[in-house]
């Protein structure tokens, strides 16, 4: 799958490492710049991506801004992502997972 530089994740069941770690690694490999999470377990998703970005030496390969919006409407989070400035122009990509 191809990912935009701005991801808005609608979490349907929360973060489950065994199921979701590869997805986060794929986002890192795609060099996304913004990761916004809403709904179930938003903060856990945010923390998981933050930790996945850090290598064994404690350094990140590149910066991904992460935000959690557990109780905010999807339209507001998409609006935030659209206005968020990144190094390249990206459309926000909404993923339900």
PDB file of N, CA and C in Angstrom:
ATOM      1  N   UNK A   1       0.841  -1.183   0.000  1.00  0.00           N
ATOM      2  CA  UNK A   1       0.000   0.000   0.000  1.00  0.00           C
ATOM      3  C   UNK A   1       0.883   1.242   0.000  1.00  0.00           C
ATOM      4  N   UNK A   2       0.439   2.271  -0.687  1.00  0.00           N
ATOM      5  CA  UNK A   2       1.136   3.549  -0.712  1.00  0.00           C
ATOM      6  C   UNK A   2       0.499   4.477   0.309  1.00  0.00           C
ATOM      7  N   UNK A   3       1.333   5.174   1.057  1.00  0.00           N
ATOM      8  CA  UNK A   3       0.830   6.069   2.090  1.00  0.00           C
ATOM      9  C   UNK A   3       1.176   7.510   1.772  1.00  0.00           C
ATOM     10  N   UNK A   4       0.254   8.405   2.105  1.00  0.00           N
ATOM     11  CA  UNK A   4       0.485   9.838   2.004  1.00  0.00           C
ATOM     12  C   UNK A   4       1.423  10.256   3.138  1.00  0.00           C
ATOM     13  N   UNK A   5       1.901  11.458   3.079  1.00  0.00           N
ATOM     14  CA  UNK A   5       2.751  11.971   4.155  1.00  0.00           C
ATOM     15  C   UNK A   5       1.979  12.383   5.386  1.00  0.00           C
ATOM     16  N   UNK A   6       0.640  12.457   5.276  1.00  0.00           N
ATOM     17  CA  UNK A   6      -0.225  12.820   6.403  1.00  0.00           C
ATOM     18  C   UNK A   6      -1.262  11.719   6.591  1.00  0.00           C
ATOM     19  N   UNK A   7      -1.171  11.024   7.702  1.00  0.00           N
ATOM     20  CA  UNK A   7      -2.086   9.923   7.996  1.00  0.00           C
ATOM     21  C   UNK A   7      -3.020  10.322   9.128  1.00  0.00           C
ATOM     22  N   UNK A   8      -4.309  10.090   8.930  1.00  0.00           N
ATOM     23  CA  UNK A   8      -5.307  10.201   9.994  1.00  0.00           C
ATOM     24  C   UNK A   8      -5.844   8.790  10.193  1.00  0.00           C
ATOM     25  N   UNK A   9      -5.511   8.209  11.325  1.00  0.00           N
ATOM     26  CA  UNK A   9      -5.925   6.846  11.626  1.00  0.00           C
ATOM     27  C   UNK A   9      -7.166   6.865  12.513  1.00  0.00           C
ATOM     28  N   UNK A  10      -8.219   6.208  12.070  1.00  0.00           N
ATOM     29  CA  UNK A  10      -9.421   6.011  12.886  1.00  0.00           C
ATOM     30  C   UNK A  10      -9.280   4.623  13.499  1.00  0.00           C
ATOM     31  N   UNK A  11      -8.967   4.584  14.778  1.00  0.00           N
ATOM     32  CA  UNK A  11      -8.711   3.319  15.469  1.00  0.00           C
ATOM     33  C   UNK A  11     -10.034   2.690  15.893  1.00  0.00           C
ATOM     34  N   UNK A  12     -10.309   1.528  15.351  1.00  0.00           N
ATOM     35  CA  UNK A  12     -11.567   0.843  15.640  1.00  0.00           C
ATOM     36  C   UNK A  12     -11.479  -0.063  16.860  1.00  0.00           C
ATOM     37  N   UNK A  13     -10.273  -0.562  17.162  1.00  0.00           N
ATOM     38  CA  UNK A  13     -10.164  -1.522  18.269  1.00  0.00           C
ATOM     39  C   UNK A  13      -8.931  -1.301  19.139  1.00  0.00           C
ATOM     40  N   UNK A  14      -8.236  -0.187  18.971  1.00  0.00           N
ATOM     41  CA  UNK A  14      -7.052   0.070  19.778  1.00  0.00           C
ATOM     42  C   UNK A  14      -5.811  -0.580  19.196  1.00  0.00           C
ATOM     43  N   UNK A  15      -4.671  -0.236  19.760  1.00  0.00           N
ATOM     44  CA  UNK A  15      -3.383  -0.740  19.295  1.00  0.00           C
ATOM     45  C   UNK A  15      -3.106  -2.120  19.877  1.00  0.00           C
ATOM     46  N   UNK A  16      -2.790  -3.073  19.017  1.00  0.00           N
ATOM     47  CA  UNK A  16      -2.412  -4.430  19.418  1.00  0.00           C
ATOM     48  C   UNK A  16      -1.050  -4.697  18.777  1.00  0.00           C
ATOM     49  N   UNK A  17       0.023  -4.729  19.563  1.00  0.00           N
ATOM     50  CA  UNK A  17       1.366  -4.837  18.986  1.00  0.00           C
ATOM     51  C   UNK A  17       1.530  -5.975  17.982  1.00  0.00           C
ATOM     52  N   UNK A  18       1.033  -7.147  18.308  1.00  0.00           N
ATOM     53  CA  UNK A  18       1.215  -8.300  17.425  1.00  0.00           C
ATOM     54  C   UNK A  18       0.567  -8.071  16.058  1.00  0.00           C
ATOM     55  N   UNK A  19      -0.494  -7.328  16.032  1.00  0.00           N
ATOM     56  CA  UNK A  19      -1.222  -7.065  14.800  1.00  0.00           C
ATOM     57  C   UNK A  19      -0.751  -5.797  14.089  1.00  0.00           C
ATOM     58  N   UNK A  20      -0.344  -4.784  14.858  1.00  0.00           N
ATOM     59  CA  UNK A  20      -0.179  -3.445  14.302  1.00  0.00           C
ATOM     60  C   UNK A  20       1.258  -2.955  14.154  1.00  0.00           C
ATOM     61  N   UNK A  21       2.224  -3.651  14.729  1.00  0.00           N
ATOM     62  CA  UNK A  21       3.607  -3.178  14.674  1.00  0.00           C
ATOM     63  C   UNK A  21       4.116  -3.063  13.237  1.00  0.00           C
ATOM     64  N   UNK A  22       3.801  -4.041  12.393  1.00  0.00           N
ATOM     65  CA  UNK A  22       4.273  -3.984  11.007  1.00  0.00           C
ATOM     66  C   UNK A  22       3.658  -2.792  10.261  1.00  0.00           C
ATOM     67  N   UNK A  23       2.400  -2.505  10.537  1.00  0.00           N
ATOM     68  CA  UNK A  23       1.744  -1.343   9.945  1.00  0.00           C
ATOM     69  C   UNK A  23       2.516  -0.066  10.290  1.00  0.00           C
ATOM     70  N   UNK A  24       2.903   0.085  11.556  1.00  0.00           N
ATOM     71  CA  UNK A  24       3.668   1.269  11.953  1.00  0.00           C
ATOM     72  C   UNK A  24       5.029   1.299  11.264  1.00  0.00           C
ATOM     73  N   UNK A  25       5.673   0.160  11.150  1.00  0.00           N
ATOM     74  CA  UNK A  25       6.969   0.106  10.457  1.00  0.00           C
ATOM     75  C   UNK A  25       6.814   0.486   8.982  1.00  0.00           C
ATOM     76  N   UNK A  26       5.698   0.082   8.386  1.00  0.00           N
ATOM     77  CA  UNK A  26       5.429   0.459   6.995  1.00  0.00           C
ATOM     78  C   UNK A  26       5.252   1.971   6.870  1.00  0.00           C
ATOM     79  N   UNK A  27       4.586   2.594   7.845  1.00  0.00           N
ATOM     80  CA  UNK A  27       4.432   4.048   7.825  1.00  0.00           C
ATOM     81  C   UNK A  27       5.778   4.748   7.953  1.00  0.00           C
ATOM     82  N   UNK A  28       6.633   4.222   8.818  1.00  0.00           N
ATOM     83  CA  UNK A  28       7.972   4.797   8.975  1.00  0.00           C
ATOM     84  C   UNK A  28       8.746   4.665   7.676  1.00  0.00           C
ATOM     85  N   UNK A  29       8.690   3.494   7.063  1.00  0.00           N
ATOM     86  CA  UNK A  29       9.399   3.258   5.798  1.00  0.00           C
ATOM     87  C   UNK A  29       8.874   4.174   4.695  1.00  0.00           C
ATOM     88  N   UNK A  30       7.597   4.533   4.753  1.00  0.00           N
ATOM     89  CA  UNK A  30       7.010   5.436   3.764  1.00  0.00           C
ATOM     90  C   UNK A  30       7.392   6.888   4.037  1.00  0.00           C
ATOM     91  N   UNK A  31       8.062   7.121   5.160  1.00  0.00           N
ATOM     92  CA  UNK A  31       8.550   8.448   5.545  1.00  0.00           C
ATOM     93  C   UNK A  31       7.416   9.469   5.675  1.00  0.00           C
ATOM     94  N   UNK A  32       6.328   9.006   6.330  1.00  0.00           N
ATOM     95  CA  UNK A  32       5.243   9.945   6.591  1.00  0.00           C
ATOM     96  C   UNK A  32       5.760  11.062   7.498  1.00  0.00           C
ATOM     97  N   UNK A  33       5.064  12.187   7.505  1.00  0.00           N
ATOM     98  CA  UNK A  33       5.488  13.323   8.325  1.00  0.00           C
ATOM     99  C   UNK A  33       4.518  13.629   9.463  1.00  0.00           C
ATOM    100  N   UNK A  34       3.251  13.208   9.311  1.00  0.00           N
ATOM    101  CA  UNK A  34       2.241  13.499  10.329  1.00  0.00           C
ATOM    102  C   UNK A  34       1.371  12.268  10.527  1.00  0.00           C
ATOM    103  N   UNK A  35       1.144  11.914  11.802  1.00  0.00           N
ATOM    104  CA  UNK A  35       0.327  10.762  12.168  1.00  0.00           C
ATOM    105  C   UNK A  35      -0.651  11.220  13.236  1.00  0.00           C
ATOM    106  N   UNK A  36      -1.924  11.345  12.861  1.00  0.00           N
ATOM    107  CA  UNK A  36      -2.986  11.734  13.791  1.00  0.00           C
ATOM    108  C   UNK A  36      -3.863  10.514  14.033  1.00  0.00           C
ATOM    109  N   UNK A  37      -4.198  10.258  15.290  1.00  0.00           N
ATOM    110  CA  UNK A  37      -5.021   9.095  15.626  1.00  0.00           C
ATOM    111  C   UNK A  37      -6.247   9.560  16.388  1.00  0.00           C
ATOM    112  N   UNK A  38      -7.411   9.010  16.004  1.00  0.00           N
ATOM    113  CA  UNK A  38      -8.630   9.313  16.740  1.00  0.00           C
ATOM    114  C   UNK A  38      -9.293   8.000  17.164  1.00  0.00           C
ATOM    115  N   UNK A  39     -10.169   8.114  18.132  1.00  0.00           N
ATOM    116  CA  UNK A  39     -11.014   7.024  18.643  1.00  0.00           C
ATOM    117  C   UNK A  39     -10.283   6.136  19.639  1.00  0.00           C
ATOM    118  N   UNK A  40     -10.523   4.839  19.561  1.00  0.00           N
ATOM    119  CA  UNK A  40     -10.113   3.875  20.590  1.00  0.00           C
ATOM    120  C   UNK A  40      -8.591   3.785  20.710  1.00  0.00           C
ATOM    121  N   UNK A  41      -8.088   4.017  21.922  1.00  0.00           N
ATOM    122  CA  UNK A  41      -6.663   3.836  22.186  1.00  0.00           C
ATOM    123  C   UNK A  41      -5.756   4.787  21.436  1.00  0.00           C
ATOM    124  N   UNK A  42      -6.229   5.993  21.168  1.00  0.00           N
ATOM    125  CA  UNK A  42      -5.448   6.940  20.366  1.00  0.00           C
ATOM    126  C   UNK A  42      -4.064   7.191  20.972  1.00  0.00           C
ATOM    127  N   UNK A  43      -4.012   7.366  22.260  1.00  0.00           N
ATOM    128  CA  UNK A  43      -2.725   7.664  22.909  1.00  0.00           C
ATOM    129  C   UNK A  43      -1.757   6.475  22.798  1.00  0.00           C
ATOM    130  N   UNK A  44      -2.278   5.251  22.886  1.00  0.00           N
ATOM    131  CA  UNK A  44      -1.415   4.072  22.758  1.00  0.00           C
ATOM    132  C   UNK A  44      -0.826   3.986  21.346  1.00  0.00           C
ATOM    133  N   UNK A  45      -1.640   4.273  20.325  1.00  0.00           N
ATOM    134  CA  UNK A  45      -1.134   4.307  18.951  1.00  0.00           C
ATOM    135  C   UNK A  45      -0.033   5.355  18.827  1.00  0.00           C
ATOM    136  N   UNK A  46      -0.289   6.543  19.360  1.00  0.00           N
ATOM    137  CA  UNK A  46       0.692   7.630  19.282  1.00  0.00           C
ATOM    138  C   UNK A  46       2.011   7.214  19.939  1.00  0.00           C
ATOM    139  N   UNK A  47       1.927   6.673  21.147  1.00  0.00           N
ATOM    140  CA  UNK A  47       3.136   6.239  21.852  1.00  0.00           C
ATOM    141  C   UNK A  47       3.861   5.125  21.102  1.00  0.00           C
ATOM    142  N   UNK A  48       3.110   4.192  20.536  1.00  0.00           N
ATOM    143  CA  UNK A  48       3.724   3.071  19.817  1.00  0.00           C
ATOM    144  C   UNK A  48       4.526   3.572  18.616  1.00  0.00           C
ATOM    145  N   UNK A  49       3.973   4.523  17.863  1.00  0.00           N
ATOM    146  CA  UNK A  49       4.727   5.041  16.721  1.00  0.00           C
ATOM    147  C   UNK A  49       5.932   5.840  17.191  1.00  0.00           C
ATOM    148  N   UNK A  50       5.775   6.615  18.249  1.00  0.00           N
ATOM    149  CA  UNK A  50       6.920   7.352  18.790  1.00  0.00           C
ATOM    150  C   UNK A  50       8.065   6.398  19.117  1.00  0.00           C
ATOM    151  N   UNK A  51       7.755   5.297  19.798  1.00  0.00           N
ATOM    152  CA  UNK A  51       8.792   4.330  20.174  1.00  0.00           C
ATOM    153  C   UNK A  51       9.333   3.577  18.961  1.00  0.00           C
ATOM    154  N   UNK A  52       8.497   3.287  17.997  1.00  0.00           N
ATOM    155  CA  UNK A  52       8.946   2.579  16.798  1.00  0.00           C
ATOM    156  C   UNK A  52       9.925   3.416  15.981  1.00  0.00           C
ATOM    157  N   UNK A  53       9.831   4.732  16.111  1.00  0.00           N
ATOM    158  CA  UNK A  53      10.733   5.626  15.363  1.00  0.00           C
ATOM    159  C   UNK A  53      12.137   5.683  15.940  1.00  0.00           C
ATOM    160  N   UNK A  54      12.297   5.214  17.160  1.00  0.00           N
ATOM    161  CA  UNK A  54      13.595   5.294  17.838  1.00  0.00           C
ATOM    162  C   UNK A  54      14.373   4.010  17.593  1.00  0.00           C
ATOM    163  N   UNK A  55      15.616   4.140  17.128  1.00  0.00           N
ATOM    164  CA  UNK A  55      16.429   2.948  16.895  1.00  0.00           C
ATOM    165  C   UNK A  55      17.125   2.513  18.185  1.00  0.00           C
ATOM    166  N   UNK A  56      17.940   1.472  18.092  1.00  0.00           N
ATOM    167  CA  UNK A  56      18.597   0.913  19.275  1.00  0.00           C
ATOM    168  C   UNK A  56      19.525   1.899  19.973  1.00  0.00           C
ATOM    169  N   UNK A  57      20.030   2.890  19.241  1.00  0.00           N
ATOM    170  CA  UNK A  57      20.916   3.896  19.829  1.00  0.00           C
ATOM    171  C   UNK A  57      20.141   5.071  20.420  1.00  0.00           C
ATOM    172  N   UNK A  58      18.817   5.002  20.346  1.00  0.00           N
ATOM    173  CA  UNK A  58      17.995   6.066  20.890  1.00  0.00           C
ATOM    174  C   UNK A  58      17.798   7.227  19.939  1.00  0.00           C
ATOM    175  N   UNK A  59      18.128   7.029  18.666  1.00  0.00           N
ATOM    176  CA  UNK A  59      17.993   8.082  17.667  1.00  0.00           C
ATOM    177  C   UNK A  59      16.924   7.713  16.652  1.00  0.00           C
ATOM    178  N   UNK A  60      16.175   8.690  16.227  1.00  0.00           N
ATOM    179  CA  UNK A  60      15.177   8.447  15.196  1.00  0.00           C
ATOM    180  C   UNK A  60      15.774   8.621  13.812  1.00  0.00           C
ATOM    181  N   UNK A  61      15.249   7.851  12.853  1.00  0.00           N
ATOM    182  CA  UNK A  61      15.730   7.966  11.474  1.00  0.00           C
ATOM    183  C   UNK A  61      15.219   9.242  10.831  1.00  0.00           C
ATOM    184  N   UNK A  62      14.003   9.622  11.125  1.00  0.00           N
ATOM    185  CA  UNK A  62      13.442  10.903  10.700  1.00  0.00           C
ATOM    186  C   UNK A  62      12.289  11.257  11.629  1.00  0.00           C
ATOM    187  N   UNK A  63      11.872  12.493  11.579  1.00  0.00           N
ATOM    188  CA  UNK A  63      10.854  12.968  12.509  1.00  0.00           C
ATOM    189  C   UNK A  63       9.458  12.754  11.950  1.00  0.00           C
ATOM    190  N   UNK A  64       8.600  12.179  12.781  1.00  0.00           N
ATOM    191  CA  UNK A  64       7.179  12.066  12.482  1.00  0.00           C
ATOM    192  C   UNK A  64       6.444  12.747  13.634  1.00  0.00           C
ATOM    193  N   UNK A  65       5.648  13.737  13.319  1.00  0.00           N
ATOM    194  CA  UNK A  65       4.835  14.389  14.335  1.00  0.00           C
ATOM    195  C   UNK A  65       3.628  13.498  14.598  1.00  0.00           C
ATOM    196  N   UNK A  66       3.396  13.171  15.878  1.00  0.00           N
ATOM    197  CA  UNK A  66       2.281  12.312  16.246  1.00  0.00           C
ATOM    198  C   UNK A  66       1.321  13.085  17.146  1.00  0.00           C
ATOM    199  N   UNK A  67       0.018  12.876  16.921  1.00  0.00           N
ATOM    200  CA  UNK A  67      -0.992  13.509  17.760  1.00  0.00           C
ATOM    201  C   UNK A  67      -2.115  12.511  18.018  1.00  0.00           C
ATOM    202  N   UNK A  68      -2.728  12.614  19.198  1.00  0.00           N
ATOM    203  CA  UNK A  68      -3.871  11.758  19.506  1.00  0.00           C
ATOM    204  C   UNK A  68      -5.080  12.639  19.795  1.00  0.00           C
ATOM    205  N   UNK A  69      -6.234  12.192  19.314  1.00  0.00           N
ATOM    206  CA  UNK A  69      -7.472  12.964  19.394  1.00  0.00           C
ATOM    207  C   UNK A  69      -8.619  12.008  19.742  1.00  0.00           C
ATOM    208  N   UNK A  70      -8.578  11.464  20.933  1.00  0.00           N
ATOM    209  CA  UNK A  70      -9.495  10.383  21.284  1.00  0.00           C
ATOM    210  C   UNK A  70     -10.974  10.775  21.195  1.00  0.00           C
ATOM    211  N   UNK A  71     -11.297  12.008  21.538  1.00  0.00           N
ATOM    212  CA  UNK A  71     -12.713  12.395  21.592  1.00  0.00           C
ATOM    213  C   UNK A  71     -13.057  13.518  20.618  1.00  0.00           C
ATOM    214  N   UNK A  72     -12.255  13.731  19.606  1.00  0.00           N
ATOM    215  CA  UNK A  72     -12.521  14.796  18.641  1.00  0.00           C
ATOM    216  C   UNK A  72     -13.174  14.225  17.381  1.00  0.00           C
ATOM    217  N   UNK A  73     -14.011  15.009  16.740  1.00  0.00           N
ATOM    218  CA  UNK A  73     -14.658  14.541  15.506  1.00  0.00           C
ATOM    219  C   UNK A  73     -13.651  14.354  14.373  1.00  0.00           C
ATOM    220  N   UNK A  74     -13.911  13.387  13.540  1.00  0.00           N
ATOM    221  CA  UNK A  74     -13.023  13.092  12.410  1.00  0.00           C
ATOM    222  C   UNK A  74     -12.804  14.330  11.540  1.00  0.00           C
ATOM    223  N   UNK A  75     -13.859  15.074  11.260  1.00  0.00           N
ATOM    224  CA  UNK A  75     -13.735  16.259  10.396  1.00  0.00           C
ATOM    225  C   UNK A  75     -12.745  17.274  10.971  1.00  0.00           C
ATOM    226  N   UNK A  76     -12.740  17.447  12.290  1.00  0.00           N
ATOM    227  CA  UNK A  76     -11.808  18.385  12.924  1.00  0.00           C
ATOM    228  C   UNK A  76     -10.364  17.906  12.787  1.00  0.00           C
ATOM    229  N   UNK A  77     -10.151  16.620  12.953  1.00  0.00           N
ATOM    230  CA  UNK A  77      -8.791  16.078  12.862  1.00  0.00           C
ATOM    231  C   UNK A  77      -8.295  16.149  11.419  1.00  0.00           C
ATOM    232  N   UNK A  78      -9.155  15.857  10.470  1.00  0.00           N
ATOM    233  CA  UNK A  78      -8.765  15.992   9.063  1.00  0.00           C
ATOM    234  C   UNK A  78      -8.426  17.455   8.763  1.00  0.00           C
ATOM    235  N   UNK A  79      -9.227  18.381   9.270  1.00  0.00           N
ATOM    236  CA  UNK A  79      -8.948  19.799   9.081  1.00  0.00           C
ATOM    237  C   UNK A  79      -7.603  20.192   9.667  1.00  0.00           C
ATOM    238  N   UNK A  80      -7.304  19.685  10.871  1.00  0.00           N
ATOM    239  CA  UNK A  80      -6.005  19.935  11.484  1.00  0.00           C
ATOM    240  C   UNK A  80      -4.886  19.417  10.586  1.00  0.00           C
ATOM    241  N   UNK A  81      -5.037  18.188  10.109  1.00  0.00           N
ATOM    242  CA  UNK A  81      -4.002  17.593   9.259  1.00  0.00           C
ATOM    243  C   UNK A  81      -3.823  18.383   7.963  1.00  0.00           C
ATOM    244  N   UNK A  82      -4.906  18.824   7.383  1.00  0.00           N
ATOM    245  CA  UNK A  82      -4.827  19.585   6.127  1.00  0.00           C
ATOM    246  C   UNK A  82      -4.069  20.899   6.322  1.00  0.00           C
ATOM    247  N   UNK A  83      -4.251  21.530   7.471  1.00  0.00           N
ATOM    248  CA  UNK A  83      -3.584  22.810   7.745  1.00  0.00           C
ATOM    249  C   UNK A  83      -2.154  22.638   8.235  1.00  0.00           C
ATOM    250  N   UNK A  84      -1.791  21.442   8.665  1.00  0.00           N
ATOM    251  CA  UNK A  84      -0.466  21.199   9.232  1.00  0.00           C
ATOM    252  C   UNK A  84       0.589  21.302   8.129  1.00  0.00           C
ATOM    253  N   UNK A  85       1.612  22.072   8.376  1.00  0.00           N
ATOM    254  CA  UNK A  85       2.663  22.295   7.386  1.00  0.00           C
ATOM    255  C   UNK A  85       3.697  21.160   7.428  1.00  0.00           C
ATOM    256  N   UNK A  86       4.000  20.610   6.272  1.00  0.00           N
ATOM    257  CA  UNK A  86       5.012  19.557   6.146  1.00  0.00           C
ATOM    258  C   UNK A  86       6.029  19.975   5.084  1.00  0.00           C
ATOM    259  N   UNK A  87       7.122  19.262   4.997  1.00  0.00           N
ATOM    260  CA  UNK A  87       8.191  19.631   4.065  1.00  0.00           C
ATOM    261  C   UNK A  87       7.775  19.497   2.607  1.00  0.00           C
ATOM    262  N   UNK A  88       6.844  18.596   2.337  1.00  0.00           N
ATOM    263  CA  UNK A  88       6.291  18.424   0.992  1.00  0.00           C
ATOM    264  C   UNK A  88       4.774  18.518   1.115  1.00  0.00           C
ATOM    265  N   UNK A  89       4.117  18.863   0.026  1.00  0.00           N
ATOM    266  CA  UNK A  89       2.657  18.956   0.059  1.00  0.00           C
ATOM    267  C   UNK A  89       2.055  17.547   0.004  1.00  0.00           C
ATOM    268  N   UNK A  90       1.177  17.255   0.961  1.00  0.00           N
ATOM    269  CA  UNK A  90       0.526  15.946   1.046  1.00  0.00           C
ATOM    270  C   UNK A  90      -0.965  16.137   1.252  1.00  0.00           C
ATOM    271  N   UNK A  91      -1.755  15.237   0.706  1.00  0.00           N
ATOM    272  CA  UNK A  91      -3.160  15.137   1.043  1.00  0.00           C
ATOM    273  C   UNK A  91      -3.266  14.272   2.290  1.00  0.00           C
ATOM    274  N   UNK A  92      -4.249  14.545   3.122  1.00  0.00           N
ATOM    275  CA  UNK A  92      -4.473  13.697   4.292  1.00  0.00           C
ATOM    276  C   UNK A  92      -5.104  12.386   3.836  1.00  0.00           C
ATOM    277  N   UNK A  93      -4.586  11.297   4.366  1.00  0.00           N
ATOM    278  CA  UNK A  93      -5.102   9.972   4.044  1.00  0.00           C
ATOM    279  C   UNK A  93      -5.751   9.392   5.293  1.00  0.00           C
ATOM    280  N   UNK A  94      -7.031   9.089   5.218  1.00  0.00           N
ATOM    281  CA  UNK A  94      -7.763   8.520   6.345  1.00  0.00           C
ATOM    282  C   UNK A  94      -7.743   6.994   6.218  1.00  0.00           C
ATOM    283  N   UNK A  95      -7.316   6.352   7.299  1.00  0.00           N
ATOM    284  CA  UNK A  95      -7.251   4.893   7.348  1.00  0.00           C
ATOM    285  C   UNK A  95      -8.074   4.423   8.537  1.00  0.00           C
ATOM    286  N   UNK A  96      -8.978   3.491   8.319  1.00  0.00           N
ATOM    287  CA  UNK A  96      -9.752   2.873   9.399  1.00  0.00           C
ATOM    288  C   UNK A  96      -9.096   1.530   9.716  1.00  0.00           C
ATOM    289  N   UNK A  97      -8.730   1.340  10.973  1.00  0.00           N
ATOM    290  CA  UNK A  97      -8.032   0.111  11.340  1.00  0.00           C
ATOM    291  C   UNK A  97      -8.406  -0.300  12.742  1.00  0.00           C
TER     292      UNK A  97
END
